[in-house]
Amino acid sequence: MQRRNLPANLAVTAAAVAGFRIPASGAEPGEATLGEALVAAALGQLGRRDDCIRALLTAEHHAPEETHARPAVRSLVSGLLASGRTTSALRGLAARSGILT
């Protein structure tokens, strides 16, 4: 998946709207999750469902606790479950996030 860098002010605004904490400096545990979750949200808005799910799984791989706890990510996963076909990977992510019981 090819990515383009967002201008810093747009990335910060998008992250704040999505409810993500912005690291002050350096690499912190949730930093990879922030980027992947923003990419996943954008891909979801573009209708690129499979790429969106892949980005969410990548975020989970880098920081599972951070990914599972984020309301914006949980909302995105819930929307994916309700809006179309599901896969075992998506259902697994939903279960690990506490969306499916």
N, C-alpha and C. Protein backbone atom coordinates (compact mmCIF):
# COMPACT_ATOMS: atom_id res chain seq x y z
N MET A 1 0.85 -1.17 0.00
CA MET A 1 0.00 0.00 0.00
C MET A 1 0.90 1.24 0.00
N GLN A 2 0.74 2.09 -0.96
CA GLN A 2 1.53 3.31 -1.06
C GLN A 2 0.86 4.39 -0.23
N ARG A 3 1.65 5.12 0.53
CA ARG A 3 1.11 6.19 1.36
C ARG A 3 1.73 7.50 0.98
N ARG A 4 0.96 8.54 1.20
CA ARG A 4 1.48 9.90 1.03
C ARG A 4 1.47 10.55 2.39
N ASN A 5 2.48 11.33 2.66
CA ASN A 5 2.55 12.02 3.95
C ASN A 5 1.56 13.17 3.97
N LEU A 6 0.84 13.28 5.07
CA LEU A 6 -0.06 14.40 5.27
C LEU A 6 0.74 15.59 5.78
N PRO A 7 0.34 16.80 5.43
CA PRO A 7 0.97 17.96 6.07
C PRO A 7 0.79 17.83 7.59
N ALA A 8 1.78 18.27 8.33
CA ALA A 8 1.75 18.09 9.79
C ALA A 8 0.49 18.65 10.43
N ASN A 9 0.05 19.83 10.03
CA ASN A 9 -1.12 20.42 10.67
C ASN A 9 -2.38 19.61 10.36
N LEU A 10 -2.49 19.03 9.17
CA LEU A 10 -3.65 18.21 8.83
C LEU A 10 -3.63 16.91 9.62
N ALA A 11 -2.47 16.30 9.75
CA ALA A 11 -2.36 15.06 10.51
C ALA A 11 -2.72 15.29 11.98
N VAL A 12 -2.24 16.38 12.55
CA VAL A 12 -2.53 16.69 13.95
C VAL A 12 -4.02 16.95 14.14
N THR A 13 -4.63 17.70 13.23
CA THR A 13 -6.06 17.99 13.32
C THR A 13 -6.87 16.71 13.19
N ALA A 14 -6.54 15.88 12.20
CA ALA A 14 -7.27 14.63 12.02
C ALA A 14 -7.13 13.73 13.23
N ALA A 15 -5.94 13.67 13.80
CA ALA A 15 -5.71 12.84 14.98
C ALA A 15 -6.51 13.36 16.17
N ALA A 16 -6.53 14.67 16.36
CA ALA A 16 -7.28 15.24 17.48
C ALA A 16 -8.77 14.99 17.34
N VAL A 17 -9.28 15.13 16.13
CA VAL A 17 -10.70 14.88 15.90
C VAL A 17 -11.03 13.42 16.17
N ALA A 18 -10.11 12.52 15.80
CA ALA A 18 -10.34 11.09 16.02
C ALA A 18 -10.11 10.68 17.46
N GLY A 19 -9.61 11.57 18.30
CA GLY A 19 -9.43 11.27 19.71
C GLY A 19 -8.08 10.67 20.06
N PHE A 20 -7.08 10.84 19.21
CA PHE A 20 -5.77 10.28 19.48
C PHE A 20 -4.89 11.28 20.18
N ARG A 21 -4.04 10.76 21.06
CA ARG A 21 -3.06 11.56 21.77
C ARG A 21 -1.88 11.78 20.81
N ILE A 22 -1.40 12.98 20.75
CA ILE A 22 -0.28 13.31 19.88
C ILE A 22 1.00 13.28 20.71
N PRO A 23 1.96 12.40 20.36
CA PRO A 23 3.22 12.38 21.10
C PRO A 23 3.96 13.72 20.96
N ALA A 24 4.56 14.17 22.07
CA ALA A 24 5.29 15.44 22.05
C ALA A 24 6.53 15.33 21.19
N SER A 25 7.29 14.27 21.34
CA SER A 25 8.48 14.08 20.51
C SER A 25 8.93 12.64 20.61
N GLY A 26 9.68 12.21 19.63
CA GLY A 26 10.21 10.85 19.63
C GLY A 26 9.14 9.82 19.36
N ALA A 27 9.55 8.58 19.25
CA ALA A 27 8.62 7.48 18.98
C ALA A 27 8.09 6.93 20.29
N GLU A 28 6.81 6.95 20.43
CA GLU A 28 6.15 6.38 21.60
C GLU A 28 5.33 5.19 21.15
N PRO A 29 4.92 4.31 22.09
CA PRO A 29 4.22 3.09 21.71
C PRO A 29 3.00 3.30 20.81
N GLY A 30 2.19 4.31 21.03
CA GLY A 30 0.99 4.50 20.25
C GLY A 30 1.19 5.23 18.94
N GLU A 31 2.40 5.67 18.66
CA GLU A 31 2.63 6.48 17.46
C GLU A 31 2.33 5.72 16.18
N ALA A 32 2.76 4.46 16.09
CA ALA A 32 2.47 3.67 14.89
C ALA A 32 0.97 3.48 14.75
N THR A 33 0.28 3.27 15.86
CA THR A 33 -1.16 3.08 15.83
C THR A 33 -1.86 4.32 15.30
N LEU A 34 -1.40 5.48 15.71
CA LEU A 34 -2.00 6.73 15.26
C LEU A 34 -1.95 6.82 13.74
N GLY A 35 -0.79 6.60 13.18
CA GLY A 35 -0.65 6.69 11.73
C GLY A 35 -1.49 5.66 11.01
N GLU A 36 -1.43 4.42 11.46
CA GLU A 36 -2.21 3.36 10.81
C GLU A 36 -3.70 3.59 10.95
N ALA A 37 -4.14 4.06 12.11
CA ALA A 37 -5.57 4.30 12.31
C ALA A 37 -6.06 5.44 11.43
N LEU A 38 -5.24 6.47 11.27
CA LEU A 38 -5.62 7.56 10.36
C LEU A 38 -5.70 7.07 8.93
N VAL A 39 -4.74 6.24 8.54
CA VAL A 39 -4.76 5.66 7.20
C VAL A 39 -6.00 4.79 7.03
N ALA A 40 -6.30 3.97 8.04
CA ALA A 40 -7.48 3.10 7.97
C ALA A 40 -8.76 3.91 7.82
N ALA A 41 -8.88 4.99 8.60
CA ALA A 41 -10.09 5.82 8.50
C ALA A 41 -10.22 6.44 7.11
N ALA A 42 -9.12 6.92 6.56
CA ALA A 42 -9.15 7.51 5.22
C ALA A 42 -9.52 6.46 4.18
N LEU A 43 -8.93 5.28 4.29
CA LEU A 43 -9.24 4.22 3.33
C LEU A 43 -10.70 3.80 3.42
N GLY A 44 -11.21 3.75 4.65
CA GLY A 44 -12.64 3.43 4.83
C GLY A 44 -13.53 4.46 4.17
N GLN A 45 -13.18 5.73 4.29
CA GLN A 45 -13.96 6.79 3.66
C GLN A 45 -13.89 6.71 2.14
N LEU A 46 -12.80 6.18 1.62
CA LEU A 46 -12.64 6.05 0.17
C LEU A 46 -13.27 4.76 -0.37
N GLY A 47 -13.83 3.95 0.52
CA GLY A 47 -14.45 2.70 0.10
C GLY A 47 -13.45 1.58 -0.14
N ARG A 48 -12.24 1.73 0.33
CA ARG A 48 -11.21 0.71 0.15
C ARG A 48 -11.20 -0.19 1.38
N ARG A 49 -12.25 -0.99 1.49
CA ARG A 49 -12.53 -1.82 2.66
C ARG A 49 -11.38 -2.75 3.03
N ASP A 50 -10.86 -3.52 2.08
CA ASP A 50 -9.79 -4.47 2.39
C ASP A 50 -8.53 -3.77 2.87
N ASP A 51 -8.18 -2.66 2.24
CA ASP A 51 -7.01 -1.89 2.67
C ASP A 51 -7.24 -1.30 4.06
N CYS A 52 -8.45 -0.88 4.33
CA CYS A 52 -8.81 -0.33 5.64
C CYS A 52 -8.61 -1.40 6.72
N ILE A 53 -9.10 -2.60 6.47
CA ILE A 53 -8.96 -3.69 7.45
C ILE A 53 -7.49 -4.02 7.64
N ARG A 54 -6.72 -4.06 6.56
CA ARG A 54 -5.28 -4.33 6.67
C ARG A 54 -4.58 -3.28 7.53
N ALA A 55 -4.94 -2.02 7.35
CA ALA A 55 -4.32 -0.95 8.15
C ALA A 55 -4.68 -1.09 9.62
N LEU A 56 -5.93 -1.46 9.90
CA LEU A 56 -6.34 -1.67 11.29
C LEU A 56 -5.57 -2.83 11.91
N LEU A 57 -5.38 -3.90 11.17
CA LEU A 57 -4.63 -5.05 11.68
C LEU A 57 -3.16 -4.70 11.90
N THR A 58 -2.62 -3.85 11.05
CA THR A 58 -1.24 -3.39 11.24
C THR A 58 -1.13 -2.55 12.51
N ALA A 59 -2.10 -1.67 12.72
CA ALA A 59 -2.12 -0.87 13.95
C ALA A 59 -2.19 -1.78 15.16
N GLU A 60 -3.04 -2.78 15.09
CA GLU A 60 -3.17 -3.73 16.21
C GLU A 60 -1.85 -4.46 16.44
N HIS A 61 -1.17 -4.84 15.39
CA HIS A 61 0.11 -5.54 15.52
C HIS A 61 1.13 -4.68 16.27
N HIS A 62 1.19 -3.38 15.95
CA HIS A 62 2.16 -2.48 16.58
C HIS A 62 1.80 -2.14 18.01
N ALA A 63 0.53 -1.95 18.29
CA ALA A 63 0.10 -1.53 19.64
C ALA A 63 -1.32 -2.03 19.91
N PRO A 64 -1.45 -3.30 20.27
CA PRO A 64 -2.78 -3.88 20.44
C PRO A 64 -3.65 -3.17 21.49
N GLU A 65 -3.08 -2.86 22.64
CA GLU A 65 -3.88 -2.23 23.69
C GLU A 65 -4.38 -0.86 23.26
N GLU A 66 -3.51 -0.10 22.62
CA GLU A 66 -3.88 1.23 22.14
C GLU A 66 -4.97 1.13 21.08
N THR A 67 -4.82 0.19 20.17
CA THR A 67 -5.80 0.01 19.10
C THR A 67 -7.16 -0.40 19.66
N HIS A 68 -7.17 -1.34 20.57
CA HIS A 68 -8.43 -1.86 21.12
C HIS A 68 -9.17 -0.81 21.96
N ALA A 69 -8.43 0.11 22.55
CA ALA A 69 -9.04 1.07 23.47
C ALA A 69 -9.57 2.33 22.78
N ARG A 70 -9.16 2.60 21.57
CA ARG A 70 -9.54 3.85 20.89
C ARG A 70 -10.98 3.84 20.41
N PRO A 71 -11.81 4.78 20.89
CA PRO A 71 -13.20 4.85 20.43
C PRO A 71 -13.33 5.01 18.92
N ALA A 72 -12.43 5.77 18.30
CA ALA A 72 -12.51 5.97 16.85
C ALA A 72 -12.25 4.66 16.10
N VAL A 73 -11.32 3.86 16.60
CA VAL A 73 -11.04 2.57 15.97
C VAL A 73 -12.21 1.62 16.19
N ARG A 74 -12.73 1.59 17.40
CA ARG A 74 -13.87 0.71 17.70
C ARG A 74 -15.07 1.08 16.83
N SER A 75 -15.29 2.35 16.63
CA SER A 75 -16.39 2.80 15.78
C SER A 75 -16.17 2.37 14.33
N LEU A 76 -14.95 2.50 13.86
CA LEU A 76 -14.63 2.09 12.50
C LEU A 76 -14.84 0.59 12.32
N VAL A 77 -14.38 -0.21 13.27
CA VAL A 77 -14.55 -1.67 13.20
C VAL A 77 -16.04 -2.02 13.23
N SER A 78 -16.80 -1.38 14.11
CA SER A 78 -18.24 -1.63 14.17
C SER A 78 -18.92 -1.30 12.85
N GLY A 79 -18.53 -0.19 12.26
CA GLY A 79 -19.09 0.20 10.97
C GLY A 79 -18.75 -0.80 9.87
N LEU A 80 -17.53 -1.31 9.89
CA LEU A 80 -17.14 -2.32 8.90
C LEU A 80 -17.95 -3.60 9.06
N LEU A 81 -18.19 -3.98 10.30
CA LEU A 81 -18.99 -5.19 10.56
C LEU A 81 -20.42 -5.03 10.05
N ALA A 82 -20.97 -3.85 10.22
CA ALA A 82 -22.36 -3.61 9.86
C ALA A 82 -22.58 -3.31 8.39
N SER A 83 -21.52 -2.91 7.68
CA SER A 83 -21.72 -2.38 6.34
C SER A 83 -21.40 -3.33 5.20
N GLY A 84 -20.99 -4.51 5.48
CA GLY A 84 -20.66 -5.39 4.36
C GLY A 84 -20.15 -6.73 4.82
N ARG A 85 -19.52 -7.41 3.89
CA ARG A 85 -19.03 -8.75 4.20
C ARG A 85 -17.98 -8.68 5.31
N THR A 86 -17.94 -9.72 6.08
CA THR A 86 -16.94 -9.78 7.14
C THR A 86 -15.96 -10.91 6.83
N THR A 87 -14.81 -10.80 7.41
CA THR A 87 -13.79 -11.83 7.29
C THR A 87 -13.43 -12.32 8.68
N SER A 88 -12.75 -13.43 8.74
CA SER A 88 -12.32 -13.92 10.05
C SER A 88 -11.37 -12.93 10.71
N ALA A 89 -10.54 -12.25 9.91
CA ALA A 89 -9.61 -11.26 10.47
C ALA A 89 -10.37 -10.09 11.09
N LEU A 90 -11.41 -9.60 10.41
CA LEU A 90 -12.21 -8.49 10.94
C LEU A 90 -12.97 -8.92 12.18
N ARG A 91 -13.58 -10.11 12.14
CA ARG A 91 -14.30 -10.60 13.32
C ARG A 91 -13.35 -10.82 14.50
N GLY A 92 -12.13 -11.30 14.20
CA GLY A 92 -11.14 -11.48 15.27
C GLY A 92 -10.75 -10.16 15.90
N LEU A 93 -10.52 -9.15 15.09
CA LEU A 93 -10.20 -7.82 15.61
C LEU A 93 -11.34 -7.29 16.45
N ALA A 94 -12.56 -7.48 15.96
CA ALA A 94 -13.74 -7.02 16.72
C ALA A 94 -13.83 -7.74 18.06
N ALA A 95 -13.58 -9.04 18.07
CA ALA A 95 -13.64 -9.80 19.33
C ALA A 95 -12.55 -9.35 20.29
N ARG A 96 -11.35 -9.16 19.79
CA ARG A 96 -10.24 -8.73 20.66
C ARG A 96 -10.45 -7.31 21.18
N SER A 97 -11.22 -6.52 20.45
CA SER A 97 -11.52 -5.15 20.86
C SER A 97 -12.74 -5.07 21.78
N GLY A 98 -13.39 -6.20 22.01
CA GLY A 98 -14.56 -6.24 22.88
C GLY A 98 -15.85 -5.83 22.19
N ILE A 99 -15.83 -5.74 20.87
CA ILE A 99 -17.02 -5.36 20.12
C ILE A 99 -17.94 -6.56 19.95
N LEU A 100 -17.35 -7.71 19.66
CA LEU A 100 -18.10 -8.97 19.59
C LEU A 100 -17.81 -9.76 20.84
N THR A 101 -18.82 -10.34 21.39
CA THR A 101 -18.60 -11.16 22.59
C THR A 101 -18.98 -12.60 22.35
